[in-house]
Amino acid sequence: MKPCSPRLILQRAITVRLIDGSIWANLGNGKFVHQTNLTVKEIEVLYPKIKTVVESGGKIMAKKKHLAQSLVMLEPPMKVKDWA
């Protein structure tokens, strides 16, 4: 499986979900904003904690199954269950 780099996340991700369950939206400038409290952090801070990466079209492009594993690309990307 191909590893997912921070640069690729910046280029393609719409949102990321961290291991604590929080969701962060890509601002497109190397930073992400928290969904509810609007805290802004850089990808370098969030990257080790990312569990799931979602790209446009609601597709999961990368995932980490266990905390000790690396973030890897899904081939092919998997559709998110529900956008509602």
N, C-alpha and C. Protein backbone atom coordinates (compact mmCIF):
# COMPACT_ATOMS: atom_id res chain seq x y z
N MET A 1 0.84 -1.19 0.00
CA MET A 1 0.00 0.00 0.00
C MET A 1 0.88 1.25 0.00
N LYS A 2 0.42 2.24 -0.72
CA LYS A 2 1.18 3.47 -0.89
C LYS A 2 0.93 4.42 0.30
N PRO A 3 2.00 4.98 0.88
CA PRO A 3 1.81 5.92 2.00
C PRO A 3 1.19 7.23 1.53
N CYS A 4 0.50 7.89 2.42
CA CYS A 4 -0.14 9.18 2.12
C CYS A 4 0.65 10.29 2.81
N SER A 5 1.23 11.17 2.03
CA SER A 5 2.09 12.23 2.56
C SER A 5 1.27 13.46 2.97
N PRO A 6 1.83 14.30 3.84
CA PRO A 6 1.16 15.55 4.20
C PRO A 6 0.90 16.43 2.96
N ARG A 7 1.83 16.42 2.03
CA ARG A 7 1.66 17.23 0.81
C ARG A 7 0.45 16.78 -0.01
N LEU A 8 0.27 15.47 -0.13
CA LEU A 8 -0.87 14.93 -0.86
C LEU A 8 -2.18 15.30 -0.16
N ILE A 9 -2.18 15.26 1.16
CA ILE A 9 -3.36 15.65 1.93
C ILE A 9 -3.71 17.11 1.65
N LEU A 10 -2.71 17.97 1.65
CA LEU A 10 -2.95 19.39 1.37
C LEU A 10 -3.53 19.60 -0.03
N GLN A 11 -3.06 18.80 -0.99
CA GLN A 11 -3.50 18.96 -2.38
C GLN A 11 -4.91 18.43 -2.62
N ARG A 12 -5.30 17.32 -1.96
CA ARG A 12 -6.54 16.63 -2.32
C ARG A 12 -7.62 16.57 -1.25
N ALA A 13 -7.26 16.75 0.01
CA ALA A 13 -8.24 16.54 1.08
C ALA A 13 -9.24 17.69 1.21
N ILE A 14 -10.47 17.32 1.51
CA ILE A 14 -11.49 18.29 1.88
C ILE A 14 -11.53 18.35 3.41
N THR A 15 -11.58 17.17 4.04
CA THR A 15 -11.57 17.07 5.50
C THR A 15 -10.68 15.92 5.95
N VAL A 16 -10.27 15.98 7.22
CA VAL A 16 -9.56 14.88 7.86
C VAL A 16 -10.23 14.61 9.21
N ARG A 17 -10.24 13.35 9.60
CA ARG A 17 -10.74 12.97 10.93
C ARG A 17 -9.55 12.47 11.72
N LEU A 18 -9.41 12.98 12.94
CA LEU A 18 -8.31 12.59 13.79
C LEU A 18 -8.67 11.38 14.65
N ILE A 19 -7.68 10.82 15.33
CA ILE A 19 -7.91 9.64 16.16
C ILE A 19 -8.85 9.94 17.32
N ASP A 20 -9.01 11.21 17.70
CA ASP A 20 -9.94 11.57 18.77
C ASP A 20 -11.37 11.78 18.26
N GLY A 21 -11.58 11.60 16.94
CA GLY A 21 -12.91 11.74 16.34
C GLY A 21 -13.22 13.14 15.82
N SER A 22 -12.36 14.12 16.08
CA SER A 22 -12.62 15.48 15.61
C SER A 22 -12.41 15.58 14.10
N ILE A 23 -13.15 16.51 13.48
CA ILE A 23 -13.08 16.70 12.03
C ILE A 23 -12.51 18.08 11.74
N TRP A 24 -11.56 18.12 10.82
CA TRP A 24 -10.87 19.35 10.45
C TRP A 24 -11.01 19.58 8.95
N ALA A 25 -11.33 20.81 8.54
CA ALA A 25 -11.50 21.16 7.13
C ALA A 25 -10.24 21.82 6.58
N ASN A 26 -9.88 21.46 5.36
CA ASN A 26 -8.70 22.00 4.69
C ASN A 26 -8.98 23.43 4.23
N LEU A 27 -8.14 24.37 4.67
CA LEU A 27 -8.29 25.77 4.25
C LEU A 27 -7.57 26.05 2.94
N GLY A 28 -6.75 25.09 2.46
CA GLY A 28 -6.06 25.25 1.19
C GLY A 28 -4.77 26.05 1.28
N ASN A 29 -4.36 26.42 2.48
CA ASN A 29 -3.14 27.21 2.65
C ASN A 29 -2.13 26.51 3.57
N GLY A 30 -2.29 25.20 3.73
CA GLY A 30 -1.40 24.45 4.62
C GLY A 30 -1.95 24.32 6.02
N LYS A 31 -3.15 24.88 6.23
CA LYS A 31 -3.77 24.85 7.55
C LYS A 31 -5.15 24.22 7.49
N PHE A 32 -5.59 23.71 8.63
CA PHE A 32 -6.90 23.10 8.77
C PHE A 32 -7.64 23.76 9.91
N VAL A 33 -8.97 23.86 9.79
CA VAL A 33 -9.79 24.47 10.83
C VAL A 33 -10.69 23.40 11.45
N HIS A 34 -10.80 23.42 12.79
CA HIS A 34 -11.65 22.48 13.52
C HIS A 34 -13.10 22.76 13.21
N GLN A 35 -13.88 21.71 13.06
CA GLN A 35 -15.28 21.82 12.65
C GLN A 35 -16.14 22.64 13.62
N THR A 36 -15.93 22.52 14.91
CA THR A 36 -16.82 23.19 15.86
C THR A 36 -16.20 24.38 16.59
N ASN A 37 -14.95 24.26 17.06
CA ASN A 37 -14.40 25.38 17.83
C ASN A 37 -13.54 26.35 17.00
N LEU A 38 -13.41 26.09 15.71
CA LEU A 38 -12.72 26.95 14.74
C LEU A 38 -11.23 27.20 15.03
N THR A 39 -10.61 26.31 15.80
CA THR A 39 -9.16 26.36 16.01
C THR A 39 -8.47 26.06 14.68
N VAL A 40 -7.39 26.76 14.40
CA VAL A 40 -6.64 26.54 13.15
C VAL A 40 -5.27 25.95 13.50
N LYS A 41 -4.91 24.84 12.79
CA LYS A 41 -3.60 24.21 13.00
C LYS A 41 -3.00 23.83 11.65
N GLU A 42 -1.67 23.74 11.62
CA GLU A 42 -0.96 23.37 10.40
C GLU A 42 -0.95 21.85 10.23
N ILE A 43 -0.79 21.40 8.99
CA ILE A 43 -0.79 19.97 8.67
C ILE A 43 0.29 19.22 9.44
N GLU A 44 1.43 19.84 9.68
CA GLU A 44 2.51 19.18 10.40
C GLU A 44 2.11 18.79 11.82
N VAL A 45 1.25 19.57 12.44
CA VAL A 45 0.77 19.29 13.79
C VAL A 45 -0.27 18.17 13.77
N LEU A 46 -1.16 18.20 12.77
CA LEU A 46 -2.26 17.24 12.69
C LEU A 46 -1.87 15.89 12.10
N TYR A 47 -0.91 15.88 11.19
CA TYR A 47 -0.60 14.67 10.42
C TYR A 47 -0.42 13.40 11.25
N PRO A 48 0.35 13.42 12.35
CA PRO A 48 0.52 12.17 13.11
C PRO A 48 -0.78 11.66 13.75
N LYS A 49 -1.77 12.53 13.88
CA LYS A 49 -3.03 12.17 14.55
C LYS A 49 -4.16 11.84 13.58
N ILE A 50 -3.92 11.96 12.27
CA ILE A 50 -4.97 11.74 11.26
C ILE A 50 -5.29 10.26 11.14
N LYS A 51 -6.59 9.96 11.15
CA LYS A 51 -7.06 8.58 10.98
C LYS A 51 -7.68 8.37 9.60
N THR A 52 -8.44 9.36 9.10
CA THR A 52 -9.14 9.24 7.82
C THR A 52 -9.03 10.54 7.04
N VAL A 53 -8.82 10.43 5.72
CA VAL A 53 -8.74 11.60 4.84
C VAL A 53 -9.83 11.47 3.77
N VAL A 54 -10.67 12.53 3.64
CA VAL A 54 -11.75 12.53 2.65
C VAL A 54 -11.47 13.58 1.59
N GLU A 55 -11.60 13.15 0.31
CA GLU A 55 -11.41 14.08 -0.81
C GLU A 55 -12.76 14.47 -1.40
N SER A 56 -12.76 15.31 -2.42
CA SER A 56 -14.01 15.76 -3.02
C SER A 56 -14.81 14.57 -3.54
N GLY A 57 -16.11 14.70 -3.54
CA GLY A 57 -16.98 13.62 -3.95
C GLY A 57 -17.31 12.67 -2.81
N GLY A 58 -16.82 13.01 -1.60
CA GLY A 58 -17.11 12.19 -0.44
C GLY A 58 -16.41 10.85 -0.45
N LYS A 59 -15.20 10.82 -0.98
CA LYS A 59 -14.44 9.57 -1.06
C LYS A 59 -13.30 9.56 -0.05
N ILE A 60 -13.19 8.46 0.69
CA ILE A 60 -12.07 8.29 1.62
C ILE A 60 -10.85 7.90 0.79
N MET A 61 -9.85 8.77 0.78
CA MET A 61 -8.67 8.52 -0.04
C MET A 61 -7.53 7.88 0.74
N ALA A 62 -7.53 8.04 2.07
CA ALA A 62 -6.46 7.46 2.89
C ALA A 62 -7.01 7.13 4.27
N LYS A 63 -6.39 6.12 4.88
CA LYS A 63 -6.88 5.65 6.16
C LYS A 63 -5.77 5.02 6.98
N LYS A 64 -5.95 5.07 8.30
CA LYS A 64 -5.03 4.41 9.23
C LYS A 64 -5.90 3.49 10.09
N LYS A 65 -5.67 2.18 10.02
CA LYS A 65 -6.50 1.23 10.77
C LYS A 65 -6.15 1.19 12.24
N HIS A 66 -4.87 1.29 12.56
CA HIS A 66 -4.42 1.25 13.94
C HIS A 66 -3.52 2.45 14.20
N LEU A 67 -3.49 2.91 15.43
CA LEU A 67 -2.73 4.10 15.76
C LEU A 67 -1.25 3.97 15.43
N ALA A 68 -0.71 2.78 15.57
CA ALA A 68 0.72 2.57 15.30
C ALA A 68 1.06 2.49 13.81
N GLN A 69 0.05 2.34 12.96
CA GLN A 69 0.28 2.22 11.52
C GLN A 69 0.47 3.58 10.86
N SER A 70 1.01 3.53 9.64
CA SER A 70 1.14 4.73 8.83
C SER A 70 -0.16 4.98 8.08
N LEU A 71 -0.37 6.21 7.69
CA LEU A 71 -1.53 6.58 6.88
C LEU A 71 -1.27 6.09 5.46
N VAL A 72 -2.19 5.28 4.90
CA VAL A 72 -1.99 4.72 3.56
C VAL A 72 -3.16 5.05 2.64
N MET A 73 -2.85 5.15 1.35
CA MET A 73 -3.85 5.43 0.33
C MET A 73 -4.77 4.22 0.15
N LEU A 74 -6.04 4.47 -0.13
CA LEU A 74 -6.98 3.40 -0.47
C LEU A 74 -7.10 3.35 -1.98
N GLU A 75 -6.92 2.18 -2.54
CA GLU A 75 -7.04 2.00 -3.99
C GLU A 75 -8.10 0.94 -4.28
N PRO A 76 -9.22 1.29 -4.85
CA PRO A 76 -9.68 2.64 -5.18
C PRO A 76 -10.23 3.33 -3.93
N PRO A 77 -10.41 4.67 -4.00
CA PRO A 77 -11.01 5.39 -2.87
C PRO A 77 -12.39 4.82 -2.53
N MET A 78 -12.76 4.88 -1.26
CA MET A 78 -14.01 4.31 -0.78
C MET A 78 -15.02 5.42 -0.51
N LYS A 79 -16.25 5.24 -0.95
CA LYS A 79 -17.30 6.24 -0.77
C LYS A 79 -17.69 6.35 0.71
N VAL A 80 -17.85 7.57 1.21
CA VAL A 80 -18.33 7.79 2.57
C VAL A 80 -19.78 7.35 2.63
N LYS A 81 -20.20 6.72 3.73
CA LYS A 81 -21.54 6.14 3.83
C LYS A 81 -22.65 7.15 3.65
N ASP A 82 -22.56 8.31 4.32
CA ASP A 82 -23.67 9.26 4.29
C ASP A 82 -23.16 10.68 4.47
N TRP A 83 -23.62 11.57 3.63
CA TRP A 83 -23.23 12.99 3.74
C TRP A 83 -24.27 13.80 4.49
N ALA A 84 -25.38 13.19 4.90
CA ALA A 84 -26.47 13.94 5.55
C ALA A 84 -26.11 14.52 6.83
